[in-house]
Amino acid sequence: MITRRRAIYTRVSNDNGLDQEFNSLDAPREACEACAESQTHEGWRPVPDRFDDGGFSGASLERPDLKRLLDLVDRGRIDVIVVCKVDRLTRSLADFAKLVERFDAGNVSFVSVTQSFNTTSSMGRLTLNMLLSFARFEREVTGERIRDKIAASKKRGIRVGGPVALGYRVEERRLVVDPGEAATVRLIFDLYLAQGSLLKLLAELRERGVTTRRRAYASGKIVGGIPFTRGPLALLLENRICLGEITHRGASYPGERHPVVDRDVFDRVQALLASNGRAEEPPRHGSRALLKNLLFDDRGHRMTPGSARTGGVRYRYYVSRALIDGAAGEAGSISRVSAPALEDAVTRALAPRWRNSRSCLSGAAAARPRSTSTKPTARGLEKRALQR
């Protein structure tokens, strides 16, 4: 007979009367022990530990004894968990689904005494799958309601949360213009029109000491207050919230807030961004740069792949990250280099190493037993290296 280690878990939401000789945790424990004793012939044996959470709500899994129980489950020390009712374990269907997944991973059965719920039997597993199906349905319907509410709110120009854009602050759950930050936003737009380049704008903002907003979290951590970098700056220039609008799924709607930038200025900035190629920038995951993430300048700044189009011809290069962030004075002695020239030099330097190792690879291939599967040869490896 196979021995199955069983544990009993009990919980009550309040701690009233827990100091009594026979308290509200003892009654369900007696029912669970009686059920467990009836399964002794199936090999059920008790574990020495007790798992009783008195004064903890079932709406959360943050309970000390439940955590101890789950730790034993993860370590493979428990085979069966017995509770008086399912809601003693949790009142949340979503949490229940997570717990069952964790039990399945540890090959643990779950038994509810008063509800005839037992995953050690086929009927119990069927009931479990039905409950999980309803839990999934509830999650999906709830998600649809939330998405529909967000879409309807945004179409009416109502803010539904999220980070507060530079130039605004929150008052009574609404965005209002922050005069100091709004002046900074207008300055950034005007300087971009005057400079005509993100890199020149970054350098100008650094010289003027313009930084991002400082934010203090409840934990005391402070973030922000640092010089702008290219990505956040470009997003600020493209953000239609500066017009007082709100966007959703590619569409924009009039908002409840006042604009911080004139529409004429905003439109001119968008036209300049488009002409500079920002709107048609190729995705980075499709980069042809052979040495991407491998190059650094002599001051430790990463060399990032970039390109520029002149006379219909696109030129590739590697540029120091410091230069991209507008800190040209912090870049290394070589802040920009031609990508094809550097990649060709690296390939030529590595090619002899591949040629010298050709005999070793060929010998290893000859000593390997014949196989019908396709495997790279020494010549193929060398060819790949030269092609790269």
Protein backbone atom coordinates (compact mmCIF):
# COMPACT_ATOMS: atom_id res chain seq x y z
CA MET A 1 0.00 0.00 0.00
CA ILE A 2 1.31 3.44 -0.98
CA THR A 3 1.62 5.91 1.91
CA ARG A 4 0.12 9.35 1.26
CA ARG A 5 1.09 12.19 3.57
CA ARG A 6 -1.92 14.35 4.39
CA ALA A 7 -2.11 17.81 5.96
CA ILE A 8 -5.16 19.59 7.41
CA TYR A 9 -5.60 23.31 6.85
CA THR A 10 -8.04 25.49 8.83
CA ARG A 11 -8.78 29.22 8.75
CA VAL A 12 -11.12 31.77 10.34
CA SER A 13 -11.44 35.42 9.38
CA ASN A 14 -11.39 36.88 12.91
CA ASP A 15 -9.41 36.02 16.00
CA ASN A 16 -12.28 36.34 18.49
CA GLY A 17 -12.28 33.45 20.96
CA LEU A 18 -9.11 31.82 19.65
CA ASP A 19 -7.76 31.78 23.19
CA GLN A 20 -10.56 29.47 24.34
CA GLU A 21 -9.96 25.81 25.06
CA PHE A 22 -12.20 24.77 22.16
CA ASN A 23 -12.16 27.56 19.58
CA SER A 24 -13.51 28.09 16.06
CA LEU A 25 -10.47 26.39 14.51
CA ASP A 26 -10.92 23.19 16.48
CA ALA A 27 -14.39 22.29 15.16
CA PRO A 28 -13.42 22.18 11.45
CA ARG A 29 -10.19 20.42 12.37
CA GLU A 30 -12.14 17.62 14.08
CA ALA A 31 -14.29 17.20 10.93
CA CYS A 32 -11.17 17.06 8.75
CA GLU A 33 -9.47 14.55 11.05
CA ALA A 34 -12.55 12.30 10.99
CA CYS A 35 -12.54 12.38 7.19
CA ALA A 36 -8.83 11.67 7.07
CA GLU A 37 -9.14 8.75 9.51
CA SER A 38 -11.74 7.18 7.23
CA GLN A 39 -9.12 7.09 4.47
CA THR A 40 -6.47 5.29 6.51
CA HIS A 41 -7.02 2.18 4.42
CA GLU A 42 -5.97 4.26 1.37
CA GLY A 43 -2.60 4.91 2.98
CA TRP A 44 -3.29 8.39 4.34
CA ARG A 45 -0.89 9.30 7.14
CA PRO A 46 -0.81 12.63 9.05
CA VAL A 47 2.15 14.99 8.94
CA PRO A 48 3.33 16.29 12.35
CA ASP A 49 2.76 20.00 11.56
CA ARG A 50 -0.48 21.93 12.12
CA PHE A 51 -1.61 24.59 9.66
CA ASP A 52 -4.07 27.00 11.30
CA ASP A 53 -4.54 30.63 10.22
CA GLY A 54 -6.66 32.44 12.79
CA GLY A 55 -7.70 36.00 12.04
CA PHE A 56 -6.80 36.02 8.33
CA SER A 57 -9.15 36.82 5.44
CA GLY A 58 -9.69 34.36 2.61
CA ALA A 59 -9.50 37.17 0.05
CA SER A 60 -5.68 37.05 0.12
CA LEU A 61 -3.06 34.31 0.05
CA GLU A 62 -0.82 36.29 2.41
CA ARG A 63 -1.22 33.94 5.38
CA PRO A 64 1.71 32.55 7.39
CA ASP A 65 0.55 28.93 7.79
CA LEU A 66 -0.72 28.74 4.22
CA LYS A 67 2.72 29.83 3.07
CA ARG A 68 4.31 27.09 5.20
CA LEU A 69 1.93 24.56 3.68
CA LEU A 70 2.65 25.67 0.12
CA ASP A 71 6.37 25.54 0.82
CA LEU A 72 6.02 21.87 1.81
CA VAL A 73 3.96 21.28 -1.34
CA ASP A 74 6.74 22.76 -3.49
CA ARG A 75 9.29 20.56 -1.70
CA GLY A 76 7.25 17.41 -2.28
CA ARG A 77 6.52 16.81 1.42
CA ILE A 78 2.69 16.73 1.12
CA ASP A 79 0.45 14.39 -0.91
CA VAL A 80 -3.09 15.32 0.25
CA ILE A 81 -4.52 18.59 1.63
CA VAL A 82 -7.78 18.40 3.60
CA VAL A 83 -10.02 21.41 4.37
CA CYS A 84 -13.50 21.69 5.85
CA LYS A 85 -14.81 23.90 3.02
CA VAL A 86 -13.26 25.26 -0.17
CA ASP A 87 -13.63 28.86 1.03
CA ARG A 88 -11.37 28.06 4.00
CA LEU A 89 -8.55 27.79 1.49
CA THR A 90 -9.50 30.91 -0.49
CA ARG A 91 -12.56 32.97 -1.42
CA SER A 92 -11.10 34.04 -4.78
CA LEU A 93 -11.67 31.85 -7.82
CA ALA A 94 -8.56 33.30 -9.44
CA ASP A 95 -6.45 32.43 -6.38
CA PHE A 96 -8.07 29.00 -6.23
CA ALA A 97 -7.05 28.34 -9.82
CA LYS A 98 -3.47 29.34 -9.00
CA LEU A 99 -3.41 27.06 -5.96
CA VAL A 100 -4.74 24.12 -7.95
CA GLU A 101 -2.05 24.66 -10.59
CA ARG A 102 0.52 24.60 -7.80
CA PHE A 103 -1.02 21.43 -6.34
CA ASP A 104 -0.95 19.76 -9.76
CA ALA A 105 2.72 20.66 -10.18
CA GLY A 106 3.47 18.93 -6.86
CA ASN A 107 1.11 15.99 -7.56
CA VAL A 108 -0.99 16.96 -4.52
CA SER A 109 -4.68 16.04 -4.11
CA PHE A 110 -7.20 18.43 -2.58
CA VAL A 111 -10.15 17.30 -0.42
CA SER A 112 -13.08 19.37 0.90
CA VAL A 113 -14.96 17.52 3.63
CA THR A 114 -18.42 19.13 3.72
CA GLN A 115 -18.67 19.72 -0.05
CA SER A 116 -17.72 16.24 -1.29
CA PHE A 117 -14.89 17.71 -3.30
CA ASN A 118 -11.99 15.32 -3.79
CA THR A 119 -9.46 15.51 -6.61
CA THR A 120 -8.22 12.03 -5.85
CA SER A 121 -11.28 10.74 -7.79
CA SER A 122 -12.31 11.28 -11.42
CA MET A 123 -15.57 13.01 -10.36
CA GLY A 124 -13.62 15.40 -8.14
CA ARG A 125 -11.30 16.28 -11.00
CA LEU A 126 -14.31 16.88 -13.27
CA THR A 127 -15.79 19.24 -10.68
CA LEU A 128 -12.45 21.01 -10.43
CA ASN A 129 -12.27 21.53 -14.20
CA MET A 130 -15.79 22.93 -14.19
CA LEU A 131 -14.88 25.39 -11.44
CA LEU A 132 -11.74 26.45 -13.27
CA SER A 133 -13.72 26.93 -16.49
CA PHE A 134 -16.14 29.23 -14.68
CA ALA A 135 -13.18 31.05 -13.10
CA ARG A 136 -11.65 31.63 -16.53
CA PHE A 137 -15.01 32.81 -17.88
CA GLU A 138 -15.33 35.24 -14.97
CA ARG A 139 -11.83 36.63 -15.57
CA GLU A 140 -12.49 37.12 -19.29
CA VAL A 141 -15.87 38.79 -18.76
CA THR A 142 -14.36 41.06 -16.09
CA GLY A 143 -11.53 41.98 -18.46
CA GLU A 144 -14.02 42.80 -21.23
CA ARG A 145 -16.01 45.04 -18.88
CA ILE A 146 -12.88 46.86 -17.79
CA ARG A 147 -11.68 47.36 -21.37
CA ASP A 148 -15.10 48.62 -22.46
CA LYS A 149 -15.21 51.03 -19.53
CA ILE A 150 -11.74 52.36 -20.35
CA ALA A 151 -12.64 52.82 -24.02
CA ALA A 152 -15.89 54.63 -23.17
CA SER A 153 -14.15 56.88 -20.64
CA LYS A 154 -11.36 57.83 -23.04
CA LYS A 155 -13.83 58.62 -25.81
CA ARG A 156 -15.33 61.16 -23.42
CA GLY A 157 -11.87 62.53 -22.67
CA ILE A 158 -11.79 61.19 -19.10
CA ARG A 159 -8.44 60.15 -17.63
CA VAL A 160 -8.43 56.56 -16.35
CA GLY A 161 -5.07 56.51 -14.60
CA GLY A 162 -1.50 55.92 -15.65
CA PRO A 163 1.62 58.10 -15.47
CA VAL A 164 1.05 61.86 -15.37
CA ALA A 165 2.59 63.60 -18.38
CA LEU A 166 5.07 66.41 -17.92
CA GLY A 167 3.19 69.71 -17.77
CA TYR A 168 0.27 68.40 -15.70
CA ARG A 169 -0.55 67.40 -12.15
CA VAL A 170 -3.51 65.53 -10.62
CA GLU A 171 -6.16 67.37 -8.61
CA GLU A 172 -9.35 65.57 -7.57
CA ARG A 173 -8.57 62.77 -10.04
CA ARG A 174 -8.34 65.21 -12.93
CA LEU A 175 -5.34 66.58 -14.81
CA VAL A 176 -4.71 70.29 -14.47
CA VAL A 177 -1.93 72.32 -16.01
CA ASP A 178 1.16 72.79 -13.85
CA PRO A 179 2.43 76.28 -14.79
CA GLY A 180 6.11 75.55 -14.11
CA GLU A 181 6.22 72.26 -15.97
CA ALA A 182 4.05 73.62 -18.79
CA ALA A 183 6.64 76.34 -19.38
CA THR A 184 9.33 73.63 -19.60
CA VAL A 185 7.29 71.68 -22.16
CA ARG A 186 6.76 74.77 -24.32
CA LEU A 187 10.49 75.52 -24.09
CA ILE A 188 11.32 71.99 -25.30
CA PHE A 189 8.97 72.33 -28.30
CA ASP A 190 10.33 75.76 -29.23
CA LEU A 191 13.95 74.60 -28.91
CA TYR A 192 13.31 71.58 -31.12
CA LEU A 193 11.89 73.82 -33.85
CA ALA A 194 14.92 76.09 -33.50
CA GLN A 195 17.53 73.30 -33.41
CA GLY A 196 15.86 70.94 -35.88
CA SER A 197 17.51 67.85 -34.36
CA LEU A 198 16.97 65.67 -31.32
CA LEU A 199 20.72 65.45 -30.66
CA LYS A 200 21.13 69.22 -30.72
CA LEU A 201 18.04 69.57 -28.53
CA LEU A 202 19.48 67.10 -25.98
CA ALA A 203 22.72 69.05 -25.82
CA GLU A 204 20.85 72.35 -25.42
CA LEU A 205 18.70 70.97 -22.60
CA ARG A 206 21.78 69.69 -20.79
CA GLU A 207 23.41 73.11 -21.03
CA ARG A 208 20.28 74.76 -19.64
CA GLY A 209 19.98 72.20 -16.83
CA VAL A 210 16.52 70.99 -17.90
CA THR A 211 15.79 67.60 -16.32
CA THR A 212 12.95 65.12 -15.99
CA ARG A 213 10.35 65.41 -13.25
CA ARG A 214 11.35 64.24 -9.77
CA ARG A 215 8.89 61.79 -8.22
CA ALA A 216 8.84 60.52 -4.65
CA TYR A 217 7.24 57.13 -3.91
CA ALA A 218 5.54 56.17 -0.66
CA SER A 219 8.59 54.05 0.16
CA GLY A 220 10.73 57.16 0.14
CA LYS A 221 12.46 56.30 -3.13
CA ILE A 222 13.01 59.28 -5.43
CA VAL A 223 13.30 58.91 -9.20
CA GLY A 224 13.75 61.41 -11.99
CA GLY A 225 15.56 64.70 -11.86
CA ILE A 226 18.03 63.47 -14.50
CA PRO A 227 18.89 64.80 -17.98
CA PHE A 228 16.55 63.78 -20.79
CA THR A 229 17.54 60.94 -23.08
CA ARG A 230 16.52 60.50 -26.70
CA GLY A 231 13.65 58.03 -26.25
CA PRO A 232 11.66 59.85 -23.54
CA LEU A 233 12.27 63.19 -25.25
CA ALA A 234 10.91 61.92 -28.58
CA LEU A 235 7.87 60.46 -26.82
CA LEU A 236 7.22 63.82 -25.15
CA LEU A 237 7.35 65.60 -28.50
CA GLU A 238 4.89 63.08 -29.99
CA ASN A 239 2.49 62.98 -27.03
CA ARG A 240 -0.90 64.41 -28.01
CA ILE A 241 -1.77 64.96 -24.37
CA CYS A 242 0.18 68.22 -24.78
CA LEU A 243 -2.83 69.36 -26.87
CA GLY A 244 -5.19 68.40 -24.06
CA GLU A 245 -6.28 65.30 -25.99
CA ILE A 246 -6.40 61.67 -24.92
CA THR A 247 -5.51 58.70 -27.14
CA HIS A 248 -6.84 55.16 -27.30
CA ARG A 249 -6.04 52.46 -29.87
CA GLY A 250 -4.56 54.92 -32.33
CA ALA A 251 -7.40 57.46 -32.11
CA SER A 252 -7.38 60.75 -30.21
CA TYR A 253 -10.28 62.46 -28.47
CA PRO A 254 -10.74 65.92 -26.89
CA GLY A 255 -9.85 65.78 -23.21
CA GLU A 256 -11.01 67.50 -20.07
CA ARG A 257 -7.72 69.32 -19.63
CA HIS A 258 -6.29 72.48 -21.15
CA PRO A 259 -3.46 72.20 -23.71
CA VAL A 260 0.05 73.23 -22.79
CA VAL A 261 1.23 73.64 -26.41
CA ASP A 262 -0.45 75.48 -29.29
CA ARG A 263 -1.73 73.22 -32.06
CA ASP A 264 0.29 75.07 -34.70
CA VAL A 265 3.52 74.46 -32.77
CA PHE A 266 2.62 70.80 -32.19
CA ASP A 267 1.86 70.20 -35.88
CA ARG A 268 5.13 71.81 -36.96
CA VAL A 269 7.04 69.59 -34.51
CA GLN A 270 5.33 66.46 -35.89
CA ALA A 271 6.20 67.47 -39.45
CA LEU A 272 9.82 68.02 -38.46
CA LEU A 273 9.98 64.66 -36.67
CA ALA A 274 8.59 62.93 -39.74
CA SER A 275 11.06 64.65 -42.06
CA ASN A 276 13.92 63.61 -39.78
CA GLY A 277 12.89 59.98 -40.18
CA ARG A 278 11.60 59.47 -36.66
CA ALA A 279 8.21 58.23 -37.82
CA GLU A 280 9.76 55.71 -40.24
CA GLU A 281 12.57 54.46 -38.04
CA PRO A 282 13.11 50.72 -38.73
CA PRO A 283 12.48 48.29 -35.83
CA ARG A 284 15.58 47.49 -33.83
CA HIS A 285 14.93 43.76 -33.76
CA GLY A 286 15.52 43.79 -37.55
CA SER A 287 18.96 45.39 -37.27
CA ARG A 288 21.64 44.11 -39.65
CA ALA A 289 24.40 45.28 -37.34
CA LEU A 290 26.87 42.41 -36.91
CA LEU A 291 28.49 43.92 -33.79
CA LYS A 292 25.33 45.03 -32.01
CA ASN A 293 25.72 44.99 -28.18
CA LEU A 294 29.43 44.12 -28.57
CA LEU A 295 31.07 47.55 -29.01
CA PHE A 296 32.00 50.16 -26.40
CA ASP A 297 33.97 53.39 -26.71
CA ASP A 298 37.10 53.99 -24.62
CA ARG A 299 35.00 55.56 -21.84
CA GLY A 300 32.75 52.54 -21.44
CA HIS A 301 29.71 53.82 -23.34
CA ARG A 302 27.93 51.30 -25.54
CA MET A 303 28.23 51.85 -29.31
CA THR A 304 24.71 51.70 -30.75
CA PRO A 305 23.88 50.89 -34.41
CA GLY A 306 22.47 53.82 -36.36
CA SER A 307 21.88 54.95 -39.91
CA ALA A 308 21.34 58.08 -41.99
CA ARG A 309 19.96 58.59 -45.50
CA THR A 310 21.72 60.99 -47.83
CA GLY A 311 20.92 61.36 -51.53
CA GLY A 312 18.75 58.23 -51.43
CA VAL A 313 21.57 56.12 -49.96
CA ARG A 314 21.43 54.79 -46.38
CA TYR A 315 24.73 54.82 -44.49
CA ARG A 316 25.19 52.60 -41.42
CA TYR A 317 27.39 53.46 -38.48
CA TYR A 318 28.00 52.78 -34.77
CA VAL A 319 27.64 55.77 -32.44
CA SER A 320 28.44 56.20 -28.76
CA ARG A 321 25.40 56.16 -26.49
CA ALA A 322 26.68 59.31 -24.81
CA LEU A 323 26.43 61.13 -28.15
CA ILE A 324 22.85 59.90 -28.64
CA ASP A 325 21.91 61.17 -25.18
CA GLY A 326 23.28 64.62 -26.00
CA ALA A 327 26.38 64.32 -23.81
CA ALA A 328 29.01 64.68 -26.52
CA GLY A 329 31.62 65.76 -23.98
CA GLU A 330 31.32 62.43 -22.18
CA ALA A 331 31.78 60.27 -25.29
CA GLY A 332 35.02 58.46 -26.05
CA SER A 333 37.75 59.62 -28.41
CA ILE A 334 35.97 57.81 -31.28
CA SER A 335 32.28 58.52 -30.89
CA ARG A 336 31.17 57.43 -34.38
CA VAL A 337 32.53 54.87 -36.83
CA SER A 338 31.42 53.41 -40.16
CA ALA A 339 29.61 50.10 -39.62
CA PRO A 340 30.58 48.37 -42.92
CA ALA A 341 34.26 49.29 -42.53
CA LEU A 342 34.45 48.08 -38.93
CA GLU A 343 32.49 44.88 -39.59
CA ASP A 344 34.70 44.09 -42.62
CA ALA A 345 37.85 44.58 -40.51
CA VAL A 346 36.54 42.30 -37.76
CA THR A 347 35.49 39.63 -40.28
CA ARG A 348 38.90 39.70 -41.98
CA ALA A 349 40.65 39.40 -38.62
CA LEU A 350 38.57 36.37 -37.63
CA ALA A 351 38.73 34.57 -40.98
CA PRO A 352 42.30 33.18 -40.49
CA ARG A 353 41.25 31.68 -37.17
CA TRP A 354 38.48 29.80 -38.90
CA ARG A 355 40.83 28.64 -41.65
CA ASN A 356 43.41 27.41 -39.12
CA SER A 357 40.75 25.46 -37.28
CA ARG A 358 39.45 23.90 -40.50
CA SER A 359 41.64 20.82 -40.23
CA CYS A 360 40.55 20.22 -36.65
CA LEU A 361 36.91 20.52 -37.61
CA SER A 362 37.38 18.25 -40.60
CA GLY A 363 39.11 15.63 -38.45
CA ALA A 364 36.34 15.73 -35.92
CA ALA A 365 33.73 15.39 -38.66
CA ALA A 366 35.57 12.39 -40.16
CA ALA A 367 35.81 10.64 -36.78
CA ARG A 368 32.09 11.14 -36.10
CA PRO A 369 29.81 8.26 -37.16
CA ARG A 370 27.84 8.75 -40.36
CA SER A 371 24.37 10.17 -39.86
CA THR A 372 21.49 10.91 -42.18
CA SER A 373 20.78 14.17 -40.33
CA THR A 374 22.09 17.43 -41.76
CA LYS A 375 24.90 18.92 -39.66
CA PRO A 376 27.23 21.87 -40.28
CA THR A 377 30.59 20.98 -41.86
CA ALA A 378 33.92 22.70 -41.42
CA ARG A 379 33.58 24.33 -44.84
CA GLY A 380 30.06 25.45 -43.97
CA LEU A 381 31.17 26.95 -40.66
CA GLU A 382 33.98 28.82 -42.40
CA LYS A 383 31.62 30.05 -45.09
CA ARG A 384 29.14 31.31 -42.50
CA ALA A 385 31.84 33.19 -40.65
CA LEU A 386 33.01 34.89 -43.85
CA GLN A 387 29.47 35.71 -44.90
CA ARG A 388 28.75 37.37 -41.55
